[in-house]
Amino acid sequence: MKIVIADDSMLIRDGLARLLTEAGCEVVATAENTATLMHKLDSVVPDAVIVDIKMPPTYTDEGLVAARQLRSMGPSIGVLVLSQYLEAHYATRLISDAPEHLGYLLKERVSDIALIVDALRRVVEGECVIDPTIVTTLMRRSRDPDPLMGLTARELEVLALMAEGRSNTAIAGRLSMSPKTLEAHVRQILQKLNLHQSPDDHRRVLAVLKYLQVQH
């Protein structure tokens, strides 16, 4: 994979570039802010971009703004946003428009390069990847369970793993159930959330959005 890294910390940029290179990725460019990032993307076409959520000049949501710009430039480019702090509302904002090819991980994951590479591969393939810690925190913050109140405990487990961007095969393995049983749970979840089959909608993504919005 060809990767571009944007982070205002030279330590993060250089360290991540070295680890990704050792893991078999090709780091084609790095940038210390979003302006430099966009300039460098004029001459390189990466498979994925890793971008810090807070960078100069305001250190607020530059990474989210850059993610949206990247989607308009090339919808198939994977974008992995890193955050130093657990800010679940940013994750919800990130995937609210078009969650495909997007990921949101905590910066503490950088030390686990295998996890980072796995997340990059998944967003390049079109998946939506949300840090498990964020999903767990959203579950604990729940104050109003509606419209999830109709889901069983097992269905909530399945939906939580869906929110992490896990495939049916991965979820079935995690929960020690057969793929057929898992598919039945997913059908029940979609039915209970009133997400009916439509050529214009991605029901699995809509279910995850409902989950994140309710848990926030």
Protein backbone atom coordinates (compact mmCIF):
# COMPACT_ATOMS: atom_id res chain seq x y z
CA MET A 1 0.00 0.00 0.00
CA LYS A 2 1.10 3.54 -0.76
CA ILE A 3 0.61 5.70 2.34
CA VAL A 4 0.74 9.44 3.08
CA ILE A 5 1.09 10.54 6.73
CA ALA A 6 -0.06 13.96 7.99
CA ASP A 7 0.76 14.82 11.61
CA ASP A 8 2.25 17.94 13.19
CA SER A 9 4.46 15.80 15.44
CA MET A 10 7.72 14.91 13.72
CA LEU A 11 8.14 12.04 16.18
CA ILE A 12 4.81 10.53 15.14
CA ARG A 13 5.41 11.13 11.43
CA ASP A 14 8.89 9.64 11.34
CA GLY A 15 8.16 6.81 13.76
CA LEU A 16 5.00 5.76 11.95
CA ALA A 17 6.73 6.00 8.57
CA ARG A 18 9.53 3.74 9.75
CA LEU A 19 7.17 1.16 11.26
CA LEU A 20 4.92 1.11 8.20
CA THR A 21 7.92 0.72 5.89
CA GLU A 22 9.19 -2.19 7.97
CA ALA A 23 5.68 -3.71 7.72
CA GLY A 24 5.86 -3.64 3.93
CA CYS A 25 4.00 -0.41 3.15
CA GLU A 26 5.38 2.37 0.97
CA VAL A 27 5.27 5.80 2.61
CA VAL A 28 5.21 8.13 -0.40
CA ALA A 29 4.93 11.45 1.48
CA THR A 30 4.59 13.05 4.90
CA ALA A 31 3.16 16.43 5.91
CA GLU A 32 3.10 18.53 9.07
CA ASN A 33 -0.23 20.26 8.32
CA THR A 34 -3.22 19.95 6.02
CA ALA A 35 -2.02 22.65 3.61
CA THR A 36 1.19 20.74 2.98
CA LEU A 37 -0.80 17.51 2.76
CA MET A 38 -3.03 18.84 -0.01
CA HIS A 39 -0.02 20.26 -1.87
CA LYS A 40 1.81 16.93 -1.80
CA LEU A 41 -1.29 15.09 -3.00
CA ASP A 42 -0.98 17.05 -6.25
CA SER A 43 1.99 14.86 -7.16
CA VAL A 44 1.25 11.51 -5.45
CA VAL A 45 -1.81 9.24 -5.46
CA PRO A 46 -1.80 7.11 -2.31
CA ASP A 47 -3.97 4.13 -1.42
CA ALA A 48 -4.56 5.64 2.02
CA VAL A 49 -3.87 8.76 4.05
CA ILE A 50 -3.25 8.81 7.79
CA VAL A 51 -4.21 12.18 9.24
CA ASP A 52 -4.09 13.57 12.78
CA ILE A 53 -7.42 15.03 13.87
CA LYS A 54 -5.89 18.21 15.38
CA MET A 55 -3.19 20.08 13.47
CA PRO A 56 -2.10 23.68 12.79
CA PRO A 57 -3.32 26.34 12.64
CA THR A 58 -6.26 25.93 15.07
CA TYR A 59 -5.64 22.45 16.50
CA THR A 60 -9.37 21.67 16.47
CA ASP A 61 -10.76 19.53 13.66
CA GLU A 62 -8.34 19.99 10.76
CA GLY A 63 -8.16 16.23 10.29
CA LEU A 64 -11.92 15.94 9.79
CA VAL A 65 -11.91 18.81 7.31
CA ALA A 66 -9.04 17.16 5.44
CA ALA A 67 -10.89 13.84 5.42
CA ARG A 68 -13.86 15.48 3.71
CA GLN A 69 -11.57 17.13 1.16
CA LEU A 70 -9.89 13.81 0.45
CA ARG A 71 -13.27 12.16 -0.13
CA SER A 72 -14.13 14.80 -2.73
CA MET A 73 -10.76 14.32 -4.42
CA GLY A 74 -10.95 10.54 -4.57
CA PRO A 75 -13.76 8.61 -2.85
CA SER A 76 -11.77 5.37 -3.06
CA ILE A 77 -8.79 6.73 -1.10
CA GLY A 78 -8.73 5.22 2.37
CA VAL A 79 -8.61 7.80 5.16
CA LEU A 80 -7.50 6.81 8.66
CA VAL A 81 -7.96 9.60 11.22
CA LEU A 82 -5.94 9.43 14.44
CA SER A 83 -6.96 11.15 17.67
CA GLN A 84 -4.95 11.59 20.84
CA TYR A 85 -8.11 11.81 22.93
CA LEU A 86 -11.29 9.77 23.06
CA GLU A 87 -13.73 12.12 21.31
CA ALA A 88 -16.63 9.99 20.16
CA HIS A 89 -18.54 12.88 18.59
CA TYR A 90 -15.71 13.28 16.08
CA ALA A 91 -16.13 9.64 15.06
CA THR A 92 -19.84 10.22 14.50
CA ARG A 93 -19.13 13.34 12.43
CA LEU A 94 -16.54 11.52 10.38
CA ILE A 95 -18.81 8.73 9.18
CA SER A 96 -22.13 10.61 9.05
CA ASP A 97 -21.86 11.50 5.36
CA ALA A 98 -20.24 8.53 3.64
CA PRO A 99 -18.58 6.03 6.01
CA GLU A 100 -16.97 3.84 3.37
CA HIS A 101 -13.14 3.95 3.18
CA LEU A 102 -12.94 5.75 6.55
CA GLY A 103 -11.38 4.87 9.88
CA TYR A 104 -10.99 6.52 13.30
CA LEU A 105 -8.43 5.20 15.79
CA LEU A 106 -6.87 6.46 18.98
CA LYS A 107 -3.20 7.46 18.69
CA GLU A 108 -2.27 4.96 21.37
CA ARG A 109 -2.77 2.29 18.68
CA VAL A 110 0.25 3.59 16.75
CA SER A 111 2.55 1.33 18.76
CA ASP A 112 0.62 -1.71 17.46
CA ILE A 113 1.68 -1.51 13.84
CA ALA A 114 -0.12 -4.73 12.91
CA LEU A 115 -3.39 -3.15 14.00
CA ILE A 116 -2.64 0.03 12.03
CA VAL A 117 -1.80 -1.94 8.88
CA ASP A 118 -4.97 -4.01 9.28
CA ALA A 119 -7.05 -0.82 9.65
CA LEU A 120 -5.39 0.68 6.57
CA ARG A 121 -6.10 -2.41 4.50
CA ARG A 122 -9.72 -2.40 5.60
CA VAL A 123 -10.35 1.26 4.77
CA VAL A 124 -8.64 0.81 1.40
CA GLU A 125 -11.04 -2.08 0.75
CA GLY A 126 -13.99 0.18 1.57
CA GLU A 127 -14.73 -0.70 5.18
CA CYS A 128 -15.48 1.67 8.06
CA VAL A 129 -13.18 1.14 11.05
CA ILE A 130 -13.94 2.62 14.49
CA ASP A 131 -11.64 2.18 17.49
CA PRO A 132 -13.07 -0.49 19.85
CA THR A 133 -12.44 1.79 22.84
CA ILE A 134 -14.70 4.43 21.32
CA VAL A 135 -17.43 1.88 20.68
CA THR A 136 -17.19 0.63 24.29
CA THR A 137 -17.31 4.19 25.66
CA LEU A 138 -20.36 5.01 23.57
CA MET A 139 -22.11 1.96 25.01
CA ARG A 140 -21.38 3.09 28.58
CA ARG A 141 -22.62 6.63 27.91
CA SER A 142 -26.03 5.52 26.73
CA ARG A 143 -28.82 7.48 28.42
CA ASP A 144 -31.70 6.82 26.04
CA PRO A 145 -31.63 3.31 24.54
CA ASP A 146 -34.37 4.00 22.00
CA PRO A 147 -34.41 2.81 19.18
CA LEU A 148 -32.06 0.05 20.36
CA MET A 149 -34.30 -0.98 23.24
CA GLY A 150 -35.85 -3.71 21.12
CA LEU A 151 -32.53 -5.44 20.56
CA THR A 152 -31.43 -8.39 22.67
CA ALA A 153 -28.11 -8.39 24.51
CA ARG A 154 -26.62 -10.65 21.83
CA GLU A 155 -27.90 -8.40 19.04
CA LEU A 156 -26.32 -5.40 20.77
CA GLU A 157 -23.03 -7.30 20.90
CA VAL A 158 -23.28 -7.98 17.18
CA LEU A 159 -24.14 -4.34 16.43
CA ALA A 160 -21.23 -3.11 18.56
CA LEU A 161 -18.82 -5.24 16.53
CA MET A 162 -20.44 -4.03 13.32
CA ALA A 163 -19.73 -0.49 14.57
CA GLU A 164 -16.04 -1.43 14.79
CA GLY A 165 -16.19 -2.28 11.09
CA ARG A 166 -15.88 -6.05 11.59
CA SER A 167 -17.00 -8.41 8.85
CA ASN A 168 -19.62 -11.11 9.41
CA THR A 169 -16.88 -13.75 9.44
CA ALA A 170 -14.91 -11.85 12.09
CA ILE A 171 -18.00 -11.24 14.24
CA ALA A 172 -19.07 -14.88 14.06
CA GLY A 173 -15.59 -15.94 15.12
CA ARG A 174 -15.45 -13.43 17.99
CA LEU A 175 -18.85 -14.51 19.34
CA SER A 176 -18.31 -18.24 18.68
CA MET A 177 -21.37 -18.67 16.48
CA SER A 178 -21.92 -20.05 13.00
CA PRO A 179 -22.04 -17.64 10.03
CA LYS A 180 -25.68 -18.64 9.46
CA THR A 181 -26.61 -17.74 13.05
CA LEU A 182 -24.76 -14.44 12.72
CA GLU A 183 -26.61 -13.62 9.50
CA ALA A 184 -29.89 -14.30 11.31
CA HIS A 185 -28.90 -11.85 14.07
CA VAL A 186 -27.99 -9.19 11.49
CA ARG A 187 -31.36 -9.64 9.75
CA GLN A 188 -33.14 -9.26 13.08
CA ILE A 189 -31.17 -6.11 13.89
CA LEU A 190 -32.01 -4.50 10.54
CA GLN A 191 -35.66 -5.47 10.91
CA LYS A 192 -35.95 -4.13 14.46
CA LEU A 193 -34.31 -0.85 13.40
CA ASN A 194 -36.82 -0.56 10.53
CA LEU A 195 -34.08 -0.62 7.91
CA HIS A 196 -35.73 -2.17 4.90
CA GLN A 197 -34.07 -3.34 1.70
CA SER A 198 -33.44 -0.47 -0.71
CA PRO A 199 -31.11 -0.02 -3.72
CA ASP A 200 -30.28 3.49 -2.48
CA ASP A 201 -29.25 2.59 1.08
CA HIS A 202 -26.50 0.59 2.74
CA ARG A 203 -28.52 -0.90 5.62
CA ARG A 204 -25.51 -2.15 7.57
CA VAL A 205 -23.99 1.34 7.60
CA LEU A 206 -27.32 2.93 8.57
CA ALA A 207 -27.59 0.50 11.49
CA VAL A 208 -24.12 1.51 12.71
CA LEU A 209 -25.02 5.21 12.43
CA LYS A 210 -28.17 4.65 14.50
CA TYR A 211 -26.07 2.84 17.07
CA LEU A 212 -23.43 5.59 17.31
CA GLN A 213 -26.01 8.39 17.43
CA VAL A 214 -27.97 6.75 20.22
CA GLN A 215 -24.91 5.85 22.26
CA HIS A 216 -23.34 9.35 21.95
